[in-house]
Structures are given as structure tokens and as C-alpha cells.
Amino acid sequence: MFYVYLLQNTVTKETYIGSTSDIKRRLAEHNKGGKKFTTRKEGIWKLIYTEIYKSSIDAKSRESKLKHHGSGKHQLLKRLKNSLGT
């Protein structure tokens, strides 16, 4: 299985979208630090939303659409307004 996920930092409230084949490992990596975009001095990254795909190609395509097409990300954030800590 392949996952498209949305994380939110508990302090800065920033969001991050990614994809992986191992969601638990990937979340641990985000919180361990070392990644330029997700390294923060404060807060931790919390998993807010996940989509599951059988195909890695489908997951990568969805991740790209969410990251690079503002309307896709905007609609997702709108749907999750009560789940996101703002």
C-alpha cells in the first residue's frame, strides 16, 4: 500500500503533504529532524489526514496534484477545517 498524507506542526500550524509506503516510519523521520522543510525548533508533526492507494504511481500523482495545484490543496484544507489546529 502507498499513502498520501498531510501533517501539521503542533506549534507553527504549518502543513506538509507527502507520500510514502510506510506511514509510521515516515512520520518518525519527520519528527526526528534532518529534513530541511520539516525541521523545526518547536513542536512536532502530527498526522492529520491519509489517503491509501494500491499503486505508487497513483499516490505520487495525487501528492503532486495536492502540492502543485492550489485548488486541490485548498479544497482538502477546507474539508479538514475542524481537524486542523489553527
C-alpha atoms as a PDB file:
ATOM      1  CA  MET A   1       0.000   0.000   0.000  1.00  0.00           C
ATOM      2  CA  PHE A   2       1.029   3.589  -0.625  1.00  0.00           C
ATOM      3  CA  TYR A   3      -0.048   6.614   1.362  1.00  0.00           C
ATOM      4  CA  VAL A   4      -0.551  10.299   0.659  1.00  0.00           C
ATOM      5  CA  TYR A   5      -0.545  12.187   3.936  1.00  0.00           C
ATOM      6  CA  LEU A   6      -0.945  15.630   5.448  1.00  0.00           C
ATOM      7  CA  LEU A   7       0.968  16.618   8.582  1.00  0.00           C
ATOM      8  CA  GLN A   8       0.608  19.679  10.772  1.00  0.00           C
ATOM      9  CA  ASN A   9       3.155  21.136  13.175  1.00  0.00           C
ATOM     10  CA  THR A  10       1.717  21.466  16.687  1.00  0.00           C
ATOM     11  CA  VAL A  11       3.300  24.889  17.289  1.00  0.00           C
ATOM     12  CA  THR A  12       3.717  26.655  13.950  1.00  0.00           C
ATOM     13  CA  LYS A  13       0.487  25.133  12.488  1.00  0.00           C
ATOM     14  CA  GLU A  14       2.300  24.682   9.153  1.00  0.00           C
ATOM     15  CA  THR A  15       1.144  21.800   6.968  1.00  0.00           C
ATOM     16  CA  TYR A  16       3.172  19.353   4.883  1.00  0.00           C
ATOM     17  CA  ILE A  17       1.980  16.934   2.195  1.00  0.00           C
ATOM     18  CA  GLY A  18       3.939  13.837   1.220  1.00  0.00           C
ATOM     19  CA  SER A  19       3.687  10.226   0.113  1.00  0.00           C
ATOM     20  CA  THR A  20       5.261   7.001   1.352  1.00  0.00           C
ATOM     21  CA  SER A  21       4.909   3.243   1.511  1.00  0.00           C
ATOM     22  CA  ASP A  22       5.452   3.215   5.304  1.00  0.00           C
ATOM     23  CA  ILE A  23       3.487   5.922   7.108  1.00  0.00           C
ATOM     24  CA  LYS A  24       4.733   5.129  10.641  1.00  0.00           C
ATOM     25  CA  ARG A  25       8.384   5.220   9.583  1.00  0.00           C
ATOM     26  CA  ARG A  26       7.894   8.419   7.584  1.00  0.00           C
ATOM     27  CA  LEU A  27       6.196  10.251  10.457  1.00  0.00           C
ATOM     28  CA  ALA A  28       9.046   9.239  12.776  1.00  0.00           C
ATOM     29  CA  GLU A  29      11.552  10.571  10.224  1.00  0.00           C
ATOM     30  CA  HIS A  30       9.758  13.917  10.029  1.00  0.00           C
ATOM     31  CA  ASN A  31       9.862  14.286  13.811  1.00  0.00           C
ATOM     32  CA  LYS A  32      13.477  13.129  14.091  1.00  0.00           C
ATOM     33  CA  GLY A  33      14.675  16.168  12.152  1.00  0.00           C
ATOM     34  CA  GLY A  34      17.270  16.399   9.455  1.00  0.00           C
ATOM     35  CA  LYS A  35      14.831  17.166   6.646  1.00  0.00           C
ATOM     36  CA  LYS A  36      15.166  20.789   5.565  1.00  0.00           C
ATOM     37  CA  PHE A  37      11.485  21.538   5.087  1.00  0.00           C
ATOM     38  CA  THR A  38      10.135  19.753   8.158  1.00  0.00           C
ATOM     39  CA  THR A  39      12.897  20.564  10.667  1.00  0.00           C
ATOM     40  CA  ARG A  40      11.523  22.925  13.317  1.00  0.00           C
ATOM     41  CA  LYS A  41      12.887  24.010  16.691  1.00  0.00           C
ATOM     42  CA  GLU A  42       9.446  23.837  18.214  1.00  0.00           C
ATOM     43  CA  GLY A  43       6.551  21.418  18.037  1.00  0.00           C
ATOM     44  CA  ILE A  44       6.133  18.031  16.450  1.00  0.00           C
ATOM     45  CA  TRP A  45       4.453  16.896  13.257  1.00  0.00           C
ATOM     46  CA  LYS A  46       1.056  15.241  13.740  1.00  0.00           C
ATOM     47  CA  LEU A  47      -0.682  13.101  11.153  1.00  0.00           C
ATOM     48  CA  ILE A  48      -3.958  14.806  10.196  1.00  0.00           C
ATOM     49  CA  TYR A  49      -5.057  13.010   7.034  1.00  0.00           C
ATOM     50  CA  THR A  50      -4.159   9.924   4.965  1.00  0.00           C
ATOM     51  CA  GLU A  51      -5.263   8.516   1.611  1.00  0.00           C
ATOM     52  CA  ILE A  52      -4.385   4.903   0.718  1.00  0.00           C
ATOM     53  CA  TYR A  53      -3.550   3.653  -2.776  1.00  0.00           C
ATOM     54  CA  LYS A  54      -2.557   0.281  -4.233  1.00  0.00           C
ATOM     55  CA  SER A  55      -0.351   1.946  -6.849  1.00  0.00           C
ATOM     56  CA  SER A  56       2.698   4.090  -6.111  1.00  0.00           C
ATOM     57  CA  ILE A  57       2.041   5.922  -9.387  1.00  0.00           C
ATOM     58  CA  ASP A  58      -1.450   6.915  -8.212  1.00  0.00           C
ATOM     59  CA  ALA A  59      -0.114   8.059  -4.832  1.00  0.00           C
ATOM     60  CA  LYS A  60       2.661  10.152  -6.416  1.00  0.00           C
ATOM     61  CA  SER A  61       0.178  11.684  -8.854  1.00  0.00           C
ATOM     62  CA  ARG A  62      -2.185  12.660  -6.036  1.00  0.00           C
ATOM     63  CA  GLU A  63       0.686  14.068  -3.952  1.00  0.00           C
ATOM     64  CA  SER A  64       1.804  16.172  -6.909  1.00  0.00           C
ATOM     65  CA  LYS A  65      -1.705  17.497  -7.504  1.00  0.00           C
ATOM     66  CA  LEU A  66      -2.060  18.477  -3.854  1.00  0.00           C
ATOM     67  CA  LYS A  67       1.361  20.131  -3.726  1.00  0.00           C
ATOM     68  CA  HIS A  68       1.362  21.914  -7.076  1.00  0.00           C
ATOM     69  CA  HIS A  69      -2.260  22.727  -7.813  1.00  0.00           C
ATOM     70  CA  GLY A  70      -3.507  25.252  -5.285  1.00  0.00           C
ATOM     71  CA  SER A  71      -7.156  24.345  -5.698  1.00  0.00           C
ATOM     72  CA  GLY A  72      -6.590  20.681  -4.714  1.00  0.00           C
ATOM     73  CA  LYS A  73      -4.769  21.607  -1.518  1.00  0.00           C
ATOM     74  CA  HIS A  74      -7.244  24.398  -0.784  1.00  0.00           C
ATOM     75  CA  GLN A  75     -10.202  22.013  -1.094  1.00  0.00           C
ATOM     76  CA  LEU A  76      -8.516  19.436   1.139  1.00  0.00           C
ATOM     77  CA  LEU A  77      -7.729  22.027   3.832  1.00  0.00           C
ATOM     78  CA  LYS A  78     -11.312  23.302   3.600  1.00  0.00           C
ATOM     79  CA  ARG A  79     -12.633  19.759   4.150  1.00  0.00           C
ATOM     80  CA  LEU A  80     -10.335  19.328   7.154  1.00  0.00           C
ATOM     81  CA  LYS A  81     -11.044  22.709   8.802  1.00  0.00           C
ATOM     82  CA  ASN A  82     -12.269  21.075  12.028  1.00  0.00           C
ATOM     83  CA  SER A  83      -9.325  18.649  12.155  1.00  0.00           C
ATOM     84  CA  LEU A  84      -6.612  21.263  11.694  1.00  0.00           C
ATOM     85  CA  GLY A  85      -5.492  23.190  14.749  1.00  0.00           C
ATOM     86  CA  THR A  86      -5.487  26.818  13.724  1.00  0.00           C
END
